[in-house]
Amino acid sequence: MNVVELLDVQTAERRRACAIIETRGSGRSITFGQLNERAAQAAALLNHHGVRPGKAVLIVHSMGIELYVALAAIFRLGAIAMFIDPSADPRIIDNCCKLQRPVAYFSGLLGQLLRLRYAALRNITLNFSTARAVPGTIAWDSAAAFRPHRDLFAAGPQTGALLTFTSGSTGAPKGALRSHGVLLAQLKALRETMQLTPGDVDLTTLPIVLLANLACGVTSIISDVDLRHPARVDGARVYADA
C-alpha cells in the first residue's frame, strides 16, 4: 500500500477541511482537497522531468505546505524522499550523495544558497525551487500548469519511501531507508498513541507527526515561533495560533 492512499481517503471524506494552517507572515492554509490536487500536479511536474520510481529526490526545505505537497508527490510516483542535515560538513554531504545519488533537488531559498557551498548539491541536474526568480531552477509553482498525475505507484511493504542519514560523527554516514510499510506502521503507532481523530486540531512541531495528521484527517497548525528554545516561547501567542 502506498502511504499516499491515506491522504486520498481523507480527501474523499474531508475535502474542504483545513489540512495545514501556517501562522507565519500573513498566514496561509490549504484544505485536504487542495493539498491532494497540488500534490498530483507536482507529481506530474516531477514525472515530466524524469523522476521515476526508486529514484531519490533530495529535500532541503522548511516545514510548511510546500514540503508536504512535495512529499505526497514523491510518494505518489514511487520515488524516494531523501533528507540530509544541511549544516553537516561538506564531506559528509558528499558521502551521502555518493551512497544514494539523487536525481533531483527540492528546496527553498536557503537550500538554493547551500548549492553555492556544496559541490555535491550543484551536481544534481534537476533543481526545483519554491523561491522565486532563482536562475537555473525549475519553478515549483509551474506545476500548476500540469494536468494532475492521478496514477498511484503500487508500493509494496518493502518499497523505499524515506531516506535519512546518520550524522557521520563516528565514521562514514549510514543511510536509513524507511519503506512504505515502515511508514504506515509508524503512522498507525502515532495515531493510536496520540489518539488522533479526524477533525482534531494539532499544533505540530515534528515533520513526521504532521504526516500522521494528514493521514488521520487532523488539521495541523505550524506556528511562527522558535520551538528549538521552549523557554523563550510566548505560550499565549502559541495558544492564540491554535
Protein backbone atom coordinates (compact mmCIF):
# COMPACT_ATOMS: atom_id res chain seq x y z
CA MET A 1 0.00 0.00 0.00
CA ASN A 2 1.28 3.44 -0.95
CA VAL A 3 1.19 5.81 2.03
CA VAL A 4 -0.44 8.46 -0.18
CA GLU A 5 -3.57 6.31 -0.27
CA LEU A 6 -4.26 7.53 3.27
CA LEU A 7 -4.31 11.12 2.01
CA ASP A 8 -6.65 10.07 -0.79
CA VAL A 9 -9.04 8.63 1.82
CA GLN A 10 -9.01 11.84 3.86
CA THR A 11 -9.53 13.90 0.70
CA ALA A 12 -12.62 11.86 -0.16
CA GLU A 13 -14.03 12.28 3.35
CA ARG A 14 -12.81 15.79 4.29
CA ARG A 15 -12.08 17.59 1.02
CA ARG A 16 -12.94 21.08 2.30
CA ALA A 17 -11.46 20.70 5.79
CA CYS A 18 -8.19 22.50 6.54
CA ALA A 19 -5.19 20.19 6.37
CA ILE A 20 -2.41 22.68 7.24
CA ILE A 21 -2.53 26.19 8.65
CA GLU A 22 0.61 28.35 8.69
CA THR A 23 0.61 31.36 11.00
CA ARG A 24 3.84 32.95 9.81
CA GLY A 25 3.56 36.17 7.83
CA SER A 26 0.02 36.91 6.73
CA GLY A 27 -0.92 33.27 7.29
CA ARG A 28 -1.82 30.59 4.76
CA SER A 29 -3.88 27.45 4.78
CA ILE A 30 -4.67 24.54 2.49
CA THR A 31 -7.51 22.04 2.54
CA PHE A 32 -7.12 18.28 2.12
CA GLY A 33 -8.60 18.55 -1.35
CA GLN A 34 -6.26 21.36 -2.38
CA LEU A 35 -3.23 19.56 -0.96
CA ASN A 36 -4.04 16.35 -2.82
CA GLU A 37 -4.66 18.23 -6.08
CA ARG A 38 -1.42 20.20 -5.82
CA ALA A 39 0.50 17.03 -4.98
CA ALA A 40 -0.90 15.33 -8.08
CA GLN A 41 0.14 18.32 -10.22
CA ALA A 42 3.59 18.32 -8.59
CA ALA A 43 3.87 14.61 -9.34
CA ALA A 44 3.14 15.42 -12.99
CA LEU A 45 5.89 18.05 -12.94
CA LEU A 46 8.43 15.64 -11.44
CA ASN A 47 7.41 12.88 -13.84
CA HIS A 48 7.69 15.25 -16.80
CA HIS A 49 11.31 15.94 -15.87
CA GLY A 50 12.21 12.28 -15.48
CA VAL A 51 11.73 11.43 -11.80
CA ARG A 52 10.87 7.73 -11.75
CA PRO A 53 10.06 5.04 -9.17
CA GLY A 54 13.01 4.19 -6.94
CA LYS A 55 14.86 7.41 -7.71
CA ALA A 56 15.75 9.83 -4.91
CA VAL A 57 14.75 13.48 -4.60
CA LEU A 58 16.92 15.35 -2.10
CA ILE A 59 14.86 17.74 0.04
CA VAL A 60 16.21 20.78 1.90
CA HIS A 61 13.12 22.76 2.84
CA SER A 62 11.50 24.22 5.93
CA MET A 63 8.38 22.67 7.43
CA GLY A 64 5.41 24.08 5.57
CA ILE A 65 2.75 23.46 2.95
CA GLU A 66 5.21 23.07 0.07
CA LEU A 67 7.15 20.38 1.92
CA TYR A 68 4.09 18.16 2.25
CA VAL A 69 2.98 18.78 -1.31
CA ALA A 70 6.44 17.61 -2.38
CA LEU A 71 6.40 14.54 -0.12
CA ALA A 72 2.99 13.43 -1.35
CA ALA A 73 4.09 13.97 -4.96
CA ILE A 74 7.28 11.95 -4.48
CA PHE A 75 5.47 9.09 -2.75
CA ARG A 76 2.76 9.11 -5.43
CA LEU A 77 5.42 8.41 -8.08
CA GLY A 78 7.11 5.68 -6.03
CA ALA A 79 10.24 7.81 -5.75
CA ILE A 80 12.26 8.29 -2.53
CA ALA A 81 12.29 11.45 -0.41
CA MET A 82 15.89 11.94 0.76
CA PHE A 83 16.90 14.18 3.66
CA ILE A 84 20.35 15.26 4.87
CA ASP A 85 21.48 17.68 7.56
CA PRO A 86 22.17 20.96 5.68
CA SER A 87 24.59 22.06 8.43
CA ALA A 88 26.78 18.97 8.04
CA ASP A 89 30.40 19.02 6.93
CA PRO A 90 30.73 19.18 3.12
CA ARG A 91 32.48 15.79 3.11
CA ILE A 92 29.53 14.19 4.87
CA ILE A 93 27.03 15.69 2.41
CA ASP A 94 29.25 14.46 -0.43
CA ASN A 95 29.33 10.95 1.07
CA CYS A 96 25.54 10.92 1.49
CA CYS A 97 25.09 11.84 -2.17
CA LYS A 98 27.51 9.08 -3.15
CA LEU A 99 25.62 6.48 -1.08
CA GLN A 100 22.38 7.49 -2.80
CA ARG A 101 22.70 9.68 -5.85
CA PRO A 102 19.66 11.99 -6.03
CA VAL A 103 18.24 12.67 -9.47
CA ALA A 104 16.56 15.88 -8.29
CA TYR A 105 16.85 18.58 -5.65
CA PHE A 106 13.90 20.33 -4.00
CA SER A 107 14.44 23.36 -1.78
CA GLY A 108 13.56 26.89 -0.82
CA LEU A 109 15.88 29.90 -0.88
CA LEU A 110 18.16 28.60 1.89
CA GLY A 111 18.63 25.33 0.08
CA GLN A 112 19.49 27.17 -3.12
CA LEU A 113 22.14 29.19 -1.27
CA LEU A 114 23.61 25.93 0.03
CA ARG A 115 24.28 24.89 -3.56
CA LEU A 116 26.86 27.67 -3.72
CA ARG A 117 28.75 25.98 -0.89
CA TYR A 118 28.41 22.27 -1.68
CA ALA A 119 29.61 20.81 -4.97
CA ALA A 120 27.59 17.64 -4.35
CA LEU A 121 24.40 19.72 -4.44
CA ARG A 122 25.43 21.63 -7.56
CA ASN A 123 25.99 18.32 -9.34
CA ILE A 124 22.30 17.43 -9.09
CA THR A 125 20.93 18.25 -12.52
CA LEU A 126 17.22 18.73 -11.77
CA ASN A 127 16.80 21.66 -9.41
CA PHE A 128 13.27 22.51 -8.22
CA SER A 129 12.81 25.64 -6.12
CA THR A 130 9.95 27.25 -4.23
CA ALA A 131 11.94 30.51 -4.15
CA ARG A 132 11.11 32.96 -6.90
CA ALA A 133 13.45 34.06 -9.68
CA VAL A 134 16.40 31.81 -8.84
CA PRO A 135 18.49 31.29 -12.01
CA GLY A 136 18.92 27.71 -13.16
CA THR A 137 15.94 26.33 -11.24
CA ILE A 138 12.62 24.81 -12.22
CA ALA A 139 9.93 26.87 -10.51
CA TRP A 140 7.88 24.67 -8.19
CA ASP A 141 4.72 26.68 -8.84
CA SER A 142 5.00 25.81 -12.55
CA ALA A 143 3.30 22.54 -11.55
CA ALA A 144 0.01 24.47 -11.66
CA ALA A 145 0.15 24.26 -15.47
CA PHE A 146 0.20 20.43 -15.45
CA ARG A 147 -2.71 18.04 -15.51
CA PRO A 148 -2.77 16.11 -12.22
CA HIS A 149 -0.91 12.81 -12.21
CA ARG A 150 -3.68 10.52 -10.94
CA ASP A 151 -1.78 7.24 -11.22
CA LEU A 152 -0.56 5.96 -7.87
CA PHE A 153 2.54 3.79 -7.78
CA ALA A 154 1.64 0.36 -6.40
CA ALA A 155 4.05 0.35 -3.48
CA GLY A 156 4.68 -2.84 -1.54
CA PRO A 157 5.72 -3.10 2.13
CA GLN A 158 9.41 -3.05 1.13
CA THR A 159 9.20 -0.20 -1.40
CA GLY A 160 11.54 2.62 -0.33
CA ALA A 161 9.88 5.89 0.66
CA LEU A 162 12.00 7.99 3.02
CA LEU A 163 15.80 8.07 3.30
CA THR A 164 17.70 9.76 6.12
CA PHE A 165 21.33 9.51 7.23
CA THR A 166 23.26 9.23 10.46
CA SER A 167 25.46 12.21 11.36
CA GLY A 168 28.72 10.54 10.32
CA SER A 169 30.33 11.65 13.59
CA THR A 170 31.66 8.12 14.20
CA GLY A 171 32.71 7.48 10.61
CA ALA A 172 31.01 7.42 7.24
CA PRO A 173 27.29 8.34 7.35
CA LYS A 174 24.88 5.43 7.11
CA GLY A 175 21.57 5.54 5.32
CA ALA A 176 18.31 4.55 6.98
CA LEU A 177 15.69 3.76 4.35
CA ARG A 178 12.11 3.64 5.59
CA SER A 179 9.77 1.74 3.32
CA HIS A 180 6.08 2.44 2.76
CA GLY A 181 5.39 -0.48 5.10
CA VAL A 182 7.50 1.06 7.86
CA LEU A 183 5.93 4.50 7.39
CA LEU A 184 2.44 3.00 7.57
CA ALA A 185 3.39 1.22 10.80
CA GLN A 186 4.81 4.46 12.24
CA LEU A 187 1.68 6.40 11.31
CA LYS A 188 -0.50 3.70 12.88
CA ALA A 189 1.53 3.84 16.11
CA LEU A 190 1.30 7.63 16.23
CA ARG A 191 -2.46 7.56 15.59
CA GLU A 192 -3.03 5.11 18.43
CA THR A 193 -0.57 6.68 20.88
CA MET A 194 -1.68 10.26 20.29
CA GLN A 195 -5.33 9.29 19.77
CA LEU A 196 -5.51 11.24 16.52
CA THR A 197 -9.13 11.73 15.48
CA PRO A 198 -10.47 13.30 12.25
CA GLY A 199 -11.49 16.90 12.88
CA ASP A 200 -8.97 17.46 15.68
CA VAL A 201 -6.63 20.46 15.53
CA ASP A 202 -2.98 19.92 16.46
CA LEU A 203 -0.11 22.37 16.95
CA THR A 204 2.62 20.45 15.18
CA THR A 205 6.40 20.72 15.59
CA LEU A 206 7.72 17.40 14.24
CA PRO A 207 7.51 16.67 10.49
CA ILE A 208 6.58 13.00 10.93
CA VAL A 209 3.70 13.92 13.24
CA LEU A 210 2.28 16.30 10.66
CA LEU A 211 2.46 13.47 8.14
CA ALA A 212 0.48 11.31 10.57
CA ASN A 213 -2.05 14.12 11.00
CA LEU A 214 -2.62 14.24 7.25
CA ALA A 215 -3.19 10.50 7.21
CA CYS A 216 -5.70 10.78 10.06
CA GLY A 217 -7.71 13.83 8.96
CA VAL A 218 -6.28 16.10 11.66
CA THR A 219 -5.71 19.80 10.98
CA SER A 220 -2.08 20.79 11.64
CA ILE A 221 -1.03 24.26 12.75
CA ILE A 222 2.56 25.37 12.08
CA SER A 223 3.17 28.23 14.49
CA ASP A 224 5.59 31.06 13.77
CA VAL A 225 7.66 30.59 16.94
CA ASP A 226 11.12 29.12 17.51
CA LEU A 227 10.33 25.89 19.32
CA ARG A 228 14.03 24.97 19.47
CA HIS A 229 14.08 27.13 22.61
CA PRO A 230 10.88 26.24 24.51
CA ALA A 231 11.66 28.50 27.49
CA ARG A 232 11.60 31.54 25.20
CA VAL A 233 8.23 30.75 23.63
CA ASP A 234 5.29 33.02 24.40
CA GLY A 235 2.67 30.46 25.43
CA ALA A 236 -0.20 32.90 24.97
CA ARG A 237 0.85 33.53 21.38
CA VAL A 238 1.07 29.83 20.60
CA TYR A 239 -2.35 29.24 22.17
CA ALA A 240 -3.80 32.05 20.05
CA ASP A 241 -2.38 30.39 16.92
CA ALA A 242 -4.10 27.16 17.85
